[in-house]
Protein backbone atom coordinates (compact mmCIF):
# COMPACT_ATOMS: atom_id res chain seq x y z
CA UNK A 1 -72.94 -130.57 194.27
CA UNK A 2 -71.71 -126.98 194.25
CA UNK A 3 -68.54 -125.82 192.22
CA UNK A 4 -66.00 -124.48 193.81
CA UNK A 5 -64.79 -120.68 192.18
CA UNK A 6 -62.03 -120.64 190.48
CA UNK A 7 -59.20 -117.50 190.37
CA UNK A 8 -58.60 -115.17 188.04
CA UNK A 9 -54.67 -114.34 188.65
CA UNK A 10 -55.81 -114.40 192.51
CA UNK A 11 -58.78 -112.44 191.67
CA UNK A 12 -61.74 -114.06 192.31
CA UNK A 13 -63.97 -114.43 188.94
CA UNK A 14 -67.93 -114.85 190.90
CA UNK A 15 -69.20 -115.52 194.22
CA UNK A 16 -71.98 -117.41 192.48
CA UNK A 17 -72.84 -120.86 193.39
CA UNK A 18 -73.20 -123.01 190.56
CA UNK A 19 -75.35 -126.69 190.41
CA UNK A 20 -73.88 -129.47 188.52
CA UNK A 21 -73.70 -133.49 188.39
CA UNK A 22 -70.65 -134.14 187.32
CA UNK A 23 -67.59 -131.84 187.44
CA UNK A 24 -63.44 -133.38 185.39
CA UNK A 25 -60.20 -131.88 185.27
CA UNK A 26 -60.90 -129.00 187.89
CA UNK A 27 -58.25 -130.19 190.11
CA UNK A 28 -55.42 -130.18 186.86
CA UNK A 29 -56.35 -126.12 186.48
CA UNK A 30 -54.14 -123.74 188.90
CA UNK A 31 -55.95 -120.77 187.59
CA UNK A 32 -58.57 -119.19 184.97
CA UNK A 33 -56.48 -116.34 182.84
CA UNK A 34 -59.54 -114.17 181.15
CA UNK A 35 -58.10 -112.34 178.15
CA UNK A 36 -60.38 -109.42 177.08
CA UNK A 37 -60.28 -105.73 175.90
CA UNK A 38 -59.33 -104.91 180.05
CA UNK A 39 -56.24 -104.82 181.45
CA UNK A 40 -56.69 -104.79 184.97
CA UNK A 41 -54.26 -102.24 187.71
CA UNK A 42 -53.17 -100.15 184.75
CA UNK A 43 -52.92 -96.49 185.32
CA UNK A 44 -52.30 -93.29 182.70
CA UNK A 45 -48.63 -93.65 183.39
CA UNK A 46 -48.39 -97.36 182.51
CA UNK A 47 -46.79 -97.89 179.46
CA UNK A 48 -45.76 -100.95 176.81
CA UNK A 49 -42.20 -99.81 177.91
CA UNK A 50 -43.62 -100.34 181.79
CA UNK A 51 -46.21 -103.53 180.69
CA UNK A 52 -43.14 -105.57 179.21
CA UNK A 53 -39.70 -106.14 180.05
CA UNK A 54 -38.46 -104.19 177.08
CA UNK A 55 -38.41 -100.79 178.51
CA UNK A 56 -35.52 -101.92 180.12
CA UNK A 57 -33.32 -102.96 177.62
CA UNK A 58 -33.05 -99.66 176.33
CA UNK A 59 -32.68 -97.79 179.55
CA UNK A 60 -29.62 -100.36 179.96
CA UNK A 61 -28.65 -99.47 176.36
CA UNK A 62 -28.69 -95.62 177.09
CA UNK A 63 -26.92 -96.21 180.24
CA UNK A 64 -24.18 -97.54 178.64
CA UNK A 65 -22.82 -95.72 176.26
CA UNK A 66 -19.82 -93.79 176.71
CA UNK A 67 -21.43 -90.12 177.54
CA UNK A 68 -23.66 -91.56 180.32
CA UNK A 69 -20.54 -93.21 181.68
CA UNK A 70 -18.75 -90.26 181.83
CA UNK A 71 -21.31 -88.55 183.60
CA UNK A 72 -22.31 -91.55 186.31
CA UNK A 73 -25.69 -91.76 184.69
CA UNK A 74 -27.84 -95.02 185.78
CA UNK A 75 -30.70 -96.48 183.82
CA UNK A 76 -32.86 -94.21 186.48
CA UNK A 77 -32.26 -91.33 184.56
CA UNK A 78 -33.83 -92.65 181.47
CA UNK A 79 -37.14 -93.54 182.95
CA UNK A 80 -40.44 -90.87 183.30
CA UNK A 81 -41.08 -92.92 186.67
CA UNK A 82 -37.31 -92.40 188.44
CA UNK A 83 -36.84 -89.41 190.38
CA UNK A 84 -33.46 -89.96 189.09
CA UNK A 85 -34.30 -88.68 185.42
CA UNK A 86 -38.37 -88.08 185.45
CA UNK A 87 -38.87 -84.03 184.73
CA UNK A 88 -39.26 -82.84 188.15
CA UNK A 89 -41.94 -80.04 186.96
CA UNK A 90 -44.29 -82.35 185.56
CA UNK A 91 -43.46 -85.33 187.48
CA UNK A 92 -42.57 -87.58 184.26
CA UNK A 93 -45.86 -87.26 182.65
CA UNK A 94 -44.84 -84.77 179.82
CA UNK A 95 -48.16 -82.88 180.27
CA UNK A 96 -49.63 -80.56 183.38
CA UNK A 97 -53.35 -80.25 183.90
CA UNK A 98 -55.22 -77.50 185.10
CA UNK A 99 -58.02 -77.96 186.89
CA UNK A 100 -61.24 -75.95 186.50
CA UNK A 101 -64.70 -75.37 189.19
CA UNK A 102 -66.55 -74.59 186.42
CA UNK A 103 -65.10 -76.68 183.11
CA UNK A 104 -63.73 -79.40 181.49
CA UNK A 105 -60.03 -79.51 182.93
CA UNK A 106 -57.60 -78.37 180.54
CA UNK A 107 -54.24 -79.83 179.70
CA UNK A 108 -50.87 -78.96 178.73
CA UNK A 109 -47.94 -79.76 177.35
CA UNK A 110 -45.11 -79.12 179.82
CA UNK A 111 -42.60 -76.56 179.23
CA UNK A 112 -40.21 -77.38 180.82
CA UNK A 113 -39.64 -81.30 179.14
CA UNK A 114 -41.49 -79.81 176.15
CA UNK A 115 -44.03 -83.70 177.00
CA UNK A 116 -40.66 -85.50 176.65
CA UNK A 117 -41.22 -86.34 180.58
CA UNK A 118 -37.16 -86.88 181.33
CA UNK A 119 -35.15 -83.81 182.10
CA UNK A 120 -34.14 -82.21 178.97
CA UNK A 121 -30.23 -83.28 179.23
CA UNK A 122 -30.77 -87.06 180.32
CA UNK A 123 -33.93 -86.87 177.01
CA UNK A 124 -31.61 -85.52 174.70
CA UNK A 125 -28.56 -88.10 174.82
CA UNK A 126 -28.07 -89.86 172.15
CA UNK A 127 -26.03 -92.92 170.66
CA UNK A 128 -25.62 -90.66 167.00
CA UNK A 129 -28.71 -92.40 165.50
CA UNK A 130 -31.68 -91.53 168.36
CA UNK A 131 -31.93 -89.88 171.43
CA UNK A 132 -33.20 -91.53 174.24
CA UNK A 133 -36.75 -89.81 174.02
CA UNK A 134 -36.79 -90.51 170.34
CA UNK A 135 -36.08 -94.45 171.18
CA UNK A 136 -39.02 -94.07 173.56
CA UNK A 137 -41.27 -92.52 171.36
CA UNK A 138 -40.63 -93.91 167.49
CA UNK A 139 -41.86 -96.71 166.70
CA UNK A 140 -40.06 -100.48 168.06
CA UNK A 141 -39.77 -101.46 164.61
CA UNK A 142 -36.81 -98.66 163.96
CA UNK A 143 -35.34 -98.27 167.60
CA UNK A 144 -34.77 -101.72 168.27
CA UNK A 145 -32.87 -102.97 165.34
CA UNK A 146 -30.12 -100.97 166.62
CA UNK A 147 -30.16 -101.86 170.36
CA UNK A 148 -28.53 -105.20 171.56
CA UNK A 149 -31.00 -107.43 172.86
CA UNK A 150 -30.58 -110.34 175.73
CA UNK A 151 -31.91 -113.74 174.71
CA UNK A 152 -34.99 -113.23 176.55
CA UNK A 153 -35.14 -109.34 175.15
CA UNK A 154 -34.86 -111.12 171.53
CA UNK A 155 -37.60 -113.90 172.26
CA UNK A 156 -39.99 -110.87 173.10
CA UNK A 157 -39.54 -109.19 170.35
CA UNK A 158 -40.23 -111.58 167.78
CA UNK A 159 -43.52 -112.02 170.01
CA UNK A 160 -44.28 -108.14 168.94
CA UNK A 161 -43.47 -108.78 165.36
CA UNK A 162 -45.64 -111.87 165.29
CA UNK A 163 -48.44 -110.00 166.83
CA UNK A 164 -48.19 -107.48 164.68
CA UNK A 165 -47.28 -105.02 167.50
CA UNK A 166 -44.14 -103.71 166.37
CA UNK A 167 -45.13 -100.58 165.26
CA UNK A 168 -46.39 -99.38 168.92
CA UNK A 169 -43.75 -97.18 171.07
CA UNK A 170 -42.06 -97.72 174.31
CA UNK A 171 -44.36 -94.56 175.59
CA UNK A 172 -47.13 -95.64 174.36
CA UNK A 173 -49.68 -95.41 177.15
CA UNK A 174 -51.90 -98.80 177.85
CA UNK A 175 -55.29 -96.62 178.02
CA UNK A 176 -54.79 -95.40 174.19
CA UNK A 177 -54.46 -99.02 172.81
CA UNK A 178 -57.80 -100.41 170.75
CA UNK A 179 -59.34 -103.36 172.34
CA UNK A 180 -57.37 -106.15 169.74
CA UNK A 181 -54.02 -104.60 171.20
CA UNK A 182 -54.73 -105.10 174.32
CA UNK A 183 -55.41 -108.14 173.86
CA UNK A 184 -52.21 -109.33 172.10
CA UNK A 185 -50.15 -107.38 174.48
CA UNK A 186 -51.80 -109.71 177.11
CA UNK A 187 -50.75 -112.96 174.66
CA UNK A 188 -47.26 -110.97 174.43
CA UNK A 189 -47.03 -111.72 178.50
CA UNK A 190 -48.05 -114.84 178.89
CA UNK A 191 -45.83 -116.52 176.42
CA UNK A 192 -43.26 -114.98 177.58
CA UNK A 193 -43.80 -116.14 181.08
CA UNK A 194 -43.74 -119.31 180.21
CA UNK A 195 -46.76 -120.21 182.42
CA UNK A 196 -48.47 -123.62 182.60
CA UNK A 197 -51.63 -126.20 183.54
CA UNK A 198 -54.12 -123.01 183.37
CA UNK A 199 -57.68 -122.56 182.01
CA UNK A 200 -56.73 -118.94 179.22
CA UNK A 201 -60.05 -117.80 178.13
CA UNK A 202 -60.12 -115.42 175.21
CA UNK A 203 -62.23 -113.09 173.97
CA UNK A 204 -62.47 -111.53 170.28
CA UNK A 205 -58.65 -112.16 170.09
CA UNK A 206 -59.38 -111.92 166.24
CA UNK A 207 -60.25 -107.71 166.81
CA UNK A 208 -57.92 -106.11 164.14
CA UNK A 209 -56.22 -108.05 162.63
CA UNK A 210 -56.65 -109.54 159.36
CA UNK A 211 -57.14 -112.56 157.49
CA UNK A 212 -53.14 -113.48 156.37
CA UNK A 213 -52.15 -112.61 160.29
CA UNK A 214 -53.94 -115.72 162.10
CA UNK A 215 -51.59 -118.38 160.83
CA UNK A 216 -49.07 -116.50 163.37
CA UNK A 217 -50.86 -115.79 165.96
CA UNK A 218 -52.23 -119.92 166.12
CA UNK A 219 -48.96 -121.08 166.36
CA UNK A 220 -48.91 -118.63 169.80
CA UNK A 221 -51.88 -120.34 171.05
CA UNK A 222 -50.92 -124.29 170.15
CA UNK A 223 -47.21 -123.21 171.92
CA UNK A 224 -49.38 -122.26 174.92
CA UNK A 225 -51.49 -125.16 174.39
CA UNK A 226 -48.20 -127.30 174.65
CA UNK A 227 -47.47 -125.97 178.20
CA UNK A 228 -50.42 -128.23 179.58
CA UNK A 229 -52.47 -125.19 179.42
CA UNK A 230 -56.18 -125.56 178.18
CA UNK A 231 -57.29 -122.93 176.14
CA UNK A 232 -61.19 -121.35 175.05
CA UNK A 233 -61.58 -118.95 172.42
CA UNK A 234 -64.52 -117.30 172.06
CA UNK A 235 -64.01 -115.57 168.61
CA UNK A 236 -66.86 -115.05 165.72
CA UNK A 237 -63.87 -115.80 163.31
CA UNK A 238 -64.79 -118.82 161.44
CA UNK A 239 -60.46 -119.84 161.27
CA UNK A 240 -61.22 -121.22 164.69
CA UNK A 241 -62.93 -123.67 163.06
CA UNK A 242 -59.69 -125.00 161.40
CA UNK A 243 -57.84 -125.09 164.25
CA UNK A 244 -59.76 -125.72 167.27
CA UNK A 245 -60.17 -129.60 169.00
CA UNK A 246 -63.91 -128.29 169.52
CA UNK A 247 -66.48 -126.41 168.93
CA UNK A 248 -69.30 -125.11 170.76
CA UNK A 249 -71.83 -123.06 168.98
CA UNK A 250 -74.89 -120.85 170.11
């Protein structure tokens, strides 16, 4: 008997055939999700704000300010990925790249926006506490306490704090994150989507965390399990022996 392949969020995991005697439970699993240090389908423009929904709340907040209303500004005026707000000189990148033929390419800060990615006028619009640029560049722990969030936004923000990611800025690029940070960010997104009937595989999930941060992480894993998901954690940390139902040692 040959095992049918499963998919990883729509991407085929393997093209190999495997021999086995008996297989149970595979019909109860809709998909396979692999959580490791890599993040698929991201680019140099991918940030914490674009990967989660929190960036949208901040843009909506600044577009609702009285000064923004008088100027007729929309949420796109506070996005470096929108033609409305992005610096036209660097196209919202904050930097310019000079390609060298016989040497490494040289990157320097955009002179027009000073690395803020937004058109200077929009970047400097302030609520009296923070400018739009500062709201995206400062740690979220210094920003979101003064911004009104919807119940969904509050839930996402709570996940950030539980997973010890609240020190990140919304403008932090995903390519600059460590392996542990990437995994916890993926876990955060899974929790928000409220997925069910999935096989979720975690690899070295505790990377970058201290022991006293394991308990809140375990609560989130149990939350995923309560939604009829099967979790497999590949980790050398002995903490998981205390909370797992089965252990396989190599």
